[in-house]
């Protein structure tokens, strides 16, 4: 994915969760596993992308995600939530629901 494609994706009206990790970051490995579980639960209702900080160094630097994992939630290109460090699958889903309450298509049955 190019930076141009990345910005095209986050500038949609649908919520987009971005997971920034690095192949050289141990906690990032845990976040990757959590994001896979989030994808299994709500991946059809929200767009989820994972990017490597080494492939997007400017984006990682902008969000201070070079040595820690970060989660970013965008709607219409606007950053509406940001989290560094690890959260559980349930916490991430709960936050997504809370932050995207105006989007009725994001009904989740757990």
C-alpha atoms as a PDB file:
ATOM      1  CA  UNK A   1       0.000   0.000   0.000  1.00  0.00           C
ATOM      2  CA  UNK A   2       1.269   3.445  -0.860  1.00  0.00           C
ATOM      3  CA  UNK A   3       0.802   6.589   1.225  1.00  0.00           C
ATOM      4  CA  UNK A   4      -1.614   7.843  -1.422  1.00  0.00           C
ATOM      5  CA  UNK A   5      -3.716   4.676  -1.034  1.00  0.00           C
ATOM      6  CA  UNK A   6      -3.566   4.989   2.750  1.00  0.00           C
ATOM      7  CA  UNK A   7      -4.949   8.528   2.698  1.00  0.00           C
ATOM      8  CA  UNK A   8      -7.616   7.548   0.184  1.00  0.00           C
ATOM      9  CA  UNK A   9      -8.776   4.770   2.542  1.00  0.00           C
ATOM     10  CA  UNK A  10      -8.914   6.908   5.681  1.00  0.00           C
ATOM     11  CA  UNK A  11     -10.779   9.675   3.860  1.00  0.00           C
ATOM     12  CA  UNK A  12     -13.907   7.572   3.409  1.00  0.00           C
ATOM     13  CA  UNK A  13     -17.075   8.146   5.412  1.00  0.00           C
ATOM     14  CA  UNK A  14     -16.835   4.660   6.904  1.00  0.00           C
ATOM     15  CA  UNK A  15     -14.834   4.227  10.098  1.00  0.00           C
ATOM     16  CA  UNK A  16     -11.265   3.040   9.530  1.00  0.00           C
ATOM     17  CA  UNK A  17      -9.168   1.525  12.304  1.00  0.00           C
ATOM     18  CA  UNK A  18      -5.437   1.752  11.662  1.00  0.00           C
ATOM     19  CA  UNK A  19      -3.014  -0.396  13.602  1.00  0.00           C
ATOM     20  CA  UNK A  20       0.561   0.883  13.456  1.00  0.00           C
ATOM     21  CA  UNK A  21       3.174  -1.627  14.482  1.00  0.00           C
ATOM     22  CA  UNK A  22       6.829  -2.284  13.812  1.00  0.00           C
ATOM     23  CA  UNK A  23       8.547  -5.546  13.070  1.00  0.00           C
ATOM     24  CA  UNK A  24      11.201  -4.547  15.629  1.00  0.00           C
ATOM     25  CA  UNK A  25       8.754  -3.866  18.481  1.00  0.00           C
ATOM     26  CA  UNK A  26       7.931  -6.705  20.881  1.00  0.00           C
ATOM     27  CA  UNK A  27       4.601  -5.273  22.155  1.00  0.00           C
ATOM     28  CA  UNK A  28       3.554  -4.815  18.527  1.00  0.00           C
ATOM     29  CA  UNK A  29       3.445  -8.581  18.128  1.00  0.00           C
ATOM     30  CA  UNK A  30       0.728  -8.727  20.798  1.00  0.00           C
ATOM     31  CA  UNK A  31      -1.238  -5.947  19.137  1.00  0.00           C
ATOM     32  CA  UNK A  32      -1.170  -7.824  15.834  1.00  0.00           C
ATOM     33  CA  UNK A  33      -2.837 -10.815  17.516  1.00  0.00           C
ATOM     34  CA  UNK A  34      -5.480  -8.596  19.148  1.00  0.00           C
ATOM     35  CA  UNK A  35      -6.228  -6.846  15.839  1.00  0.00           C
ATOM     36  CA  UNK A  36      -6.754 -10.217  14.165  1.00  0.00           C
ATOM     37  CA  UNK A  37      -9.420 -10.987  16.775  1.00  0.00           C
ATOM     38  CA  UNK A  38     -11.018  -7.573  16.246  1.00  0.00           C
ATOM     39  CA  UNK A  39     -11.103  -8.278  12.486  1.00  0.00           C
ATOM     40  CA  UNK A  40     -12.841 -11.593  13.116  1.00  0.00           C
ATOM     41  CA  UNK A  41     -15.480  -9.863  15.253  1.00  0.00           C
ATOM     42  CA  UNK A  42     -16.177  -6.649  13.351  1.00  0.00           C
ATOM     43  CA  UNK A  43     -14.042  -6.767  10.220  1.00  0.00           C
ATOM     44  CA  UNK A  44     -17.111  -6.706   7.973  1.00  0.00           C
ATOM     45  CA  UNK A  45     -18.490  -3.591   9.650  1.00  0.00           C
ATOM     46  CA  UNK A  46     -15.400  -1.408   9.848  1.00  0.00           C
ATOM     47  CA  UNK A  47     -12.357  -1.162   7.634  1.00  0.00           C
ATOM     48  CA  UNK A  48      -9.229  -2.273   9.498  1.00  0.00           C
ATOM     49  CA  UNK A  49      -5.747  -1.819   8.144  1.00  0.00           C
ATOM     50  CA  UNK A  50      -2.396  -2.692   9.655  1.00  0.00           C
ATOM     51  CA  UNK A  51       0.707  -0.847   8.637  1.00  0.00           C
ATOM     52  CA  UNK A  52       4.337  -1.211   9.571  1.00  0.00           C
ATOM     53  CA  UNK A  53       6.002   1.885  10.988  1.00  0.00           C
ATOM     54  CA  UNK A  54       9.093   1.070   8.953  1.00  0.00           C
ATOM     55  CA  UNK A  55       7.064   1.326   5.737  1.00  0.00           C
ATOM     56  CA  UNK A  56       5.337   4.573   6.828  1.00  0.00           C
ATOM     57  CA  UNK A  57       7.977   6.360   8.918  1.00  0.00           C
ATOM     58  CA  UNK A  58       6.380   9.814   8.602  1.00  0.00           C
ATOM     59  CA  UNK A  59       2.986   8.561   9.757  1.00  0.00           C
ATOM     60  CA  UNK A  60       4.573   6.615  12.610  1.00  0.00           C
ATOM     61  CA  UNK A  61       6.559   9.659  13.698  1.00  0.00           C
ATOM     62  CA  UNK A  62       3.477  11.892  13.495  1.00  0.00           C
ATOM     63  CA  UNK A  63       1.643   9.553  15.891  1.00  0.00           C
ATOM     64  CA  UNK A  64       4.680   8.656  18.030  1.00  0.00           C
ATOM     65  CA  UNK A  65       4.441   5.004  17.053  1.00  0.00           C
ATOM     66  CA  UNK A  66       8.014   4.086  16.222  1.00  0.00           C
ATOM     67  CA  UNK A  67       8.703   1.999  19.320  1.00  0.00           C
ATOM     68  CA  UNK A  68       5.154   1.288  20.547  1.00  0.00           C
ATOM     69  CA  UNK A  69       2.046   0.075  18.851  1.00  0.00           C
ATOM     70  CA  UNK A  70      -0.665   2.626  18.121  1.00  0.00           C
ATOM     71  CA  UNK A  71      -4.306   2.445  17.132  1.00  0.00           C
ATOM     72  CA  UNK A  72      -5.944   5.255  15.193  1.00  0.00           C
ATOM     73  CA  UNK A  73      -9.636   5.561  14.344  1.00  0.00           C
ATOM     74  CA  UNK A  74     -10.556   7.784  11.401  1.00  0.00           C
ATOM     75  CA  UNK A  75     -13.878   8.913   9.956  1.00  0.00           C
ATOM     76  CA  UNK A  76     -13.844  11.142   6.873  1.00  0.00           C
ATOM     77  CA  UNK A  77     -10.097  11.518   7.275  1.00  0.00           C
ATOM     78  CA  UNK A  78     -10.499  12.948  10.763  1.00  0.00           C
ATOM     79  CA  UNK A  79      -8.669  11.268  13.609  1.00  0.00           C
ATOM     80  CA  UNK A  80     -11.361  10.690  16.244  1.00  0.00           C
ATOM     81  CA  UNK A  81      -9.442   8.389  18.598  1.00  0.00           C
ATOM     82  CA  UNK A  82      -5.841   7.410  19.220  1.00  0.00           C
ATOM     83  CA  UNK A  83      -4.363   4.872  21.628  1.00  0.00           C
ATOM     84  CA  UNK A  84      -0.801   3.834  22.253  1.00  0.00           C
ATOM     85  CA  UNK A  85       0.002   0.555  23.947  1.00  0.00           C
ATOM     86  CA  UNK A  86      -2.028  -2.635  24.044  1.00  0.00           C
ATOM     87  CA  UNK A  87      -5.765  -2.968  24.634  1.00  0.00           C
ATOM     88  CA  UNK A  88      -7.861  -6.126  24.704  1.00  0.00           C
ATOM     89  CA  UNK A  89     -10.113  -7.130  21.825  1.00  0.00           C
ATOM     90  CA  UNK A  90     -13.173  -6.292  23.916  1.00  0.00           C
ATOM     91  CA  UNK A  91     -11.830  -2.855  24.869  1.00  0.00           C
ATOM     92  CA  UNK A  92     -11.103  -1.971  21.246  1.00  0.00           C
ATOM     93  CA  UNK A  93     -14.552  -3.073  20.084  1.00  0.00           C
ATOM     94  CA  UNK A  94     -16.208  -1.139  22.903  1.00  0.00           C
ATOM     95  CA  UNK A  95     -14.278   2.024  22.013  1.00  0.00           C
ATOM     96  CA  UNK A  96     -15.097   1.656  18.324  1.00  0.00           C
ATOM     97  CA  UNK A  97     -18.784   1.311  19.160  1.00  0.00           C
ATOM     98  CA  UNK A  98     -18.646   4.312  21.468  1.00  0.00           C
ATOM     99  CA  UNK A  99     -16.775   6.521  19.009  1.00  0.00           C
ATOM    100  CA  UNK A 100     -18.876   5.533  16.000  1.00  0.00           C
ATOM    101  CA  UNK A 101     -22.306   5.588  17.654  1.00  0.00           C
ATOM    102  CA  UNK A 102     -23.643   7.765  14.833  1.00  0.00           C
ATOM    103  CA  UNK A 103     -23.020   4.956  12.359  1.00  0.00           C
ATOM    104  CA  UNK A 104     -25.937   2.505  12.727  1.00  0.00           C
ATOM    105  CA  UNK A 105     -24.406  -0.019  10.315  1.00  0.00           C
ATOM    106  CA  UNK A 106     -21.902  -0.882  13.011  1.00  0.00           C
ATOM    107  CA  UNK A 107     -24.239  -3.129  14.971  1.00  0.00           C
ATOM    108  CA  UNK A 108     -22.283  -5.990  16.477  1.00  0.00           C
ATOM    109  CA  UNK A 109     -23.566  -9.167  17.991  1.00  0.00           C
ATOM    110  CA  UNK A 110     -20.933 -10.677  20.241  1.00  0.00           C
END
